[in-house]
Amino acid sequence: AFTNTHIGGGQLKRPIFEHKDPMQIDAGSGILVEGATDLAITGNTFTGLDTAAVKATSGAAKLLISSNLLTECGRKLPRDSKWIDLGDAKSSLVKDNLGTE
């Protein structure tokens, strides 16, 4: 699972957003695919993330993103941002994810 201390309904178990030690901040992030190829991301849970659940940069190709559960992702992104953003990834498929924005 990729998450912060999300417990559902927009609530956090440990709501720390500022701290002198960055490791204490309650921020979750997803998967960043930097130019990788031949990759499957399946069967994961992404909840309460500040970022997209999956984001690919240029050069990524042959990605399969399927059968994942997404809830309250992209909290620090613009409202219309995709939770699964493959950009210009070639020969890739996003299918059967629940909660995808």
C-alpha atoms as a PDB file:
ATOM      1  CA  ALA A   1       0.000   0.000   0.000  1.00  0.00           C
ATOM      2  CA  PHE A   2       1.077   3.552  -0.721  1.00  0.00           C
ATOM      3  CA  THR A   3      -0.378   5.891   1.887  1.00  0.00           C
ATOM      4  CA  ASN A   4       0.082   8.383   4.667  1.00  0.00           C
ATOM      5  CA  THR A   5      -1.814   7.966   7.942  1.00  0.00           C
ATOM      6  CA  HIS A   6      -5.115   8.169   6.044  1.00  0.00           C
ATOM      7  CA  ILE A   7      -7.955   6.488   7.971  1.00  0.00           C
ATOM      8  CA  GLY A   8     -10.817   7.361   5.614  1.00  0.00           C
ATOM      9  CA  GLY A   9     -13.275  10.188   5.230  1.00  0.00           C
ATOM     10  CA  GLY A  10     -10.504  12.727   4.729  1.00  0.00           C
ATOM     11  CA  GLN A  11      -9.143  12.070   8.227  1.00  0.00           C
ATOM     12  CA  LEU A  12      -5.549  11.371   9.272  1.00  0.00           C
ATOM     13  CA  LYS A  13      -4.394   9.462  12.333  1.00  0.00           C
ATOM     14  CA  ARG A  14      -1.346  11.761  12.722  1.00  0.00           C
ATOM     15  CA  PRO A  15      -2.108  15.106  11.002  1.00  0.00           C
ATOM     16  CA  ILE A  16       1.363  16.684  10.954  1.00  0.00           C
ATOM     17  CA  PHE A  17       1.823  19.019   7.976  1.00  0.00           C
ATOM     18  CA  GLU A  18       4.804  21.078   9.183  1.00  0.00           C
ATOM     19  CA  HIS A  19       7.796  19.968  11.229  1.00  0.00           C
ATOM     20  CA  LYS A  20      11.504  20.803  11.425  1.00  0.00           C
ATOM     21  CA  ASP A  21      12.236  17.134  10.633  1.00  0.00           C
ATOM     22  CA  PRO A  22      10.750  16.423   7.144  1.00  0.00           C
ATOM     23  CA  MET A  23      10.399  12.720   8.010  1.00  0.00           C
ATOM     24  CA  GLN A  24       7.729  13.648  10.582  1.00  0.00           C
ATOM     25  CA  ILE A  25       5.446  15.324   8.020  1.00  0.00           C
ATOM     26  CA  ASP A  26       2.423  13.207   7.161  1.00  0.00           C
ATOM     27  CA  ALA A  27       2.835  13.043   3.397  1.00  0.00           C
ATOM     28  CA  GLY A  28       2.328  10.025   1.207  1.00  0.00           C
ATOM     29  CA  SER A  29       3.462   9.690  -2.379  1.00  0.00           C
ATOM     30  CA  GLY A  30       2.830   7.265  -5.196  1.00  0.00           C
ATOM     31  CA  ILE A  31       5.054   5.709  -7.839  1.00  0.00           C
ATOM     32  CA  LEU A  32       7.232   7.829 -10.151  1.00  0.00           C
ATOM     33  CA  VAL A  33       8.246   5.978 -13.315  1.00  0.00           C
ATOM     34  CA  GLU A  34      11.261   7.739 -14.814  1.00  0.00           C
ATOM     35  CA  GLY A  35      11.740   6.445 -18.338  1.00  0.00           C
ATOM     36  CA  ALA A  36      11.274   2.781 -17.406  1.00  0.00           C
ATOM     37  CA  THR A  37       9.845   0.192 -19.791  1.00  0.00           C
ATOM     38  CA  ASP A  38       8.099  -3.183 -19.490  1.00  0.00           C
ATOM     39  CA  LEU A  39       6.542  -2.474 -16.096  1.00  0.00           C
ATOM     40  CA  ALA A  40       3.304  -3.700 -14.456  1.00  0.00           C
ATOM     41  CA  ILE A  41       1.766  -1.881 -11.489  1.00  0.00           C
ATOM     42  CA  THR A  42      -1.160  -4.009 -10.335  1.00  0.00           C
ATOM     43  CA  GLY A  43      -3.093  -4.811  -7.180  1.00  0.00           C
ATOM     44  CA  ASN A  44      -1.957  -1.845  -5.082  1.00  0.00           C
ATOM     45  CA  THR A  45      -3.825   0.476  -2.729  1.00  0.00           C
ATOM     46  CA  PHE A  46      -3.096   4.208  -3.039  1.00  0.00           C
ATOM     47  CA  THR A  47      -4.732   6.385  -0.339  1.00  0.00           C
ATOM     48  CA  GLY A  48      -4.279   9.890   1.037  1.00  0.00           C
ATOM     49  CA  LEU A  49      -1.443  10.848  -1.313  1.00  0.00           C
ATOM     50  CA  ASP A  50      -0.184  14.377  -1.933  1.00  0.00           C
ATOM     51  CA  THR A  51       0.951  13.249  -5.394  1.00  0.00           C
ATOM     52  CA  ALA A  52      -0.531  11.221  -8.225  1.00  0.00           C
ATOM     53  CA  ALA A  53      -0.760   7.485  -7.545  1.00  0.00           C
ATOM     54  CA  VAL A  54       1.336   6.767 -10.656  1.00  0.00           C
ATOM     55  CA  LYS A  55       3.195   9.323 -12.761  1.00  0.00           C
ATOM     56  CA  ALA A  56       5.424   8.543 -15.731  1.00  0.00           C
ATOM     57  CA  THR A  57       8.040  10.815 -17.279  1.00  0.00           C
ATOM     58  CA  SER A  58       9.080  10.913 -20.907  1.00  0.00           C
ATOM     59  CA  GLY A  59      10.703   7.795 -22.258  1.00  0.00           C
ATOM     60  CA  ALA A  60       8.439   5.435 -20.316  1.00  0.00           C
ATOM     61  CA  ALA A  61       6.852   2.697 -22.428  1.00  0.00           C
ATOM     62  CA  LYS A  62       5.015  -0.609 -22.202  1.00  0.00           C
ATOM     63  CA  LEU A  63       3.395   0.152 -18.844  1.00  0.00           C
ATOM     64  CA  LEU A  64       0.402  -1.776 -17.513  1.00  0.00           C
ATOM     65  CA  ILE A  65      -1.479  -0.046 -14.693  1.00  0.00           C
ATOM     66  CA  SER A  66      -4.381  -2.282 -13.665  1.00  0.00           C
ATOM     67  CA  SER A  67      -6.550  -3.436 -10.753  1.00  0.00           C
ATOM     68  CA  ASN A  68      -5.445  -0.787  -8.256  1.00  0.00           C
ATOM     69  CA  LEU A  69      -7.597   0.945  -5.614  1.00  0.00           C
ATOM     70  CA  LEU A  70      -7.268   4.744  -5.389  1.00  0.00           C
ATOM     71  CA  THR A  71      -8.764   7.037  -2.725  1.00  0.00           C
ATOM     72  CA  GLU A  72      -8.021  10.715  -2.011  1.00  0.00           C
ATOM     73  CA  CYS A  73      -4.913  10.951  -4.199  1.00  0.00           C
ATOM     74  CA  GLY A  74      -3.339  14.109  -5.633  1.00  0.00           C
ATOM     75  CA  ARG A  75      -4.240  16.262  -2.619  1.00  0.00           C
ATOM     76  CA  LYS A  76      -1.551  18.854  -3.410  1.00  0.00           C
ATOM     77  CA  LEU A  77      -2.090  18.784  -7.175  1.00  0.00           C
ATOM     78  CA  PRO A  78      -4.421  21.052  -9.172  1.00  0.00           C
ATOM     79  CA  ARG A  79      -8.030  19.847  -8.860  1.00  0.00           C
ATOM     80  CA  ASP A  80      -8.288  18.463 -12.412  1.00  0.00           C
ATOM     81  CA  SER A  81      -5.038  16.453 -12.252  1.00  0.00           C
ATOM     82  CA  LYS A  82      -5.105  12.759 -13.112  1.00  0.00           C
ATOM     83  CA  TRP A  83      -4.332  10.292 -10.335  1.00  0.00           C
ATOM     84  CA  ILE A  84      -2.725   8.016 -12.917  1.00  0.00           C
ATOM     85  CA  ASP A  85      -0.707  10.180 -15.307  1.00  0.00           C
ATOM     86  CA  LEU A  86       1.324   8.330 -17.890  1.00  0.00           C
ATOM     87  CA  GLY A  87       2.076  11.454 -19.907  1.00  0.00           C
ATOM     88  CA  ASP A  88       3.306  10.381 -23.340  1.00  0.00           C
ATOM     89  CA  ALA A  89       4.210   6.786 -22.392  1.00  0.00           C
ATOM     90  CA  LYS A  90       4.085   4.634 -25.530  1.00  0.00           C
ATOM     91  CA  SER A  91       2.281   1.276 -25.849  1.00  0.00           C
ATOM     92  CA  SER A  92       0.784   1.527 -22.355  1.00  0.00           C
ATOM     93  CA  LEU A  93      -2.553   0.538 -20.824  1.00  0.00           C
ATOM     94  CA  VAL A  94      -4.507   1.857 -17.826  1.00  0.00           C
ATOM     95  CA  LYS A  95      -7.426  -0.479 -17.063  1.00  0.00           C
ATOM     96  CA  ASP A  96      -9.788  -1.635 -14.294  1.00  0.00           C
ATOM     97  CA  ASN A  97      -8.601   0.674 -11.518  1.00  0.00           C
ATOM     98  CA  LEU A  98     -11.180   1.689  -8.891  1.00  0.00           C
ATOM     99  CA  GLY A  99     -11.465   5.323  -7.825  1.00  0.00           C
ATOM    100  CA  THR A 100      -9.412   6.717 -10.716  1.00  0.00           C
ATOM    101  CA  GLU A 101      -9.780  10.473 -11.213  1.00  0.00           C
END
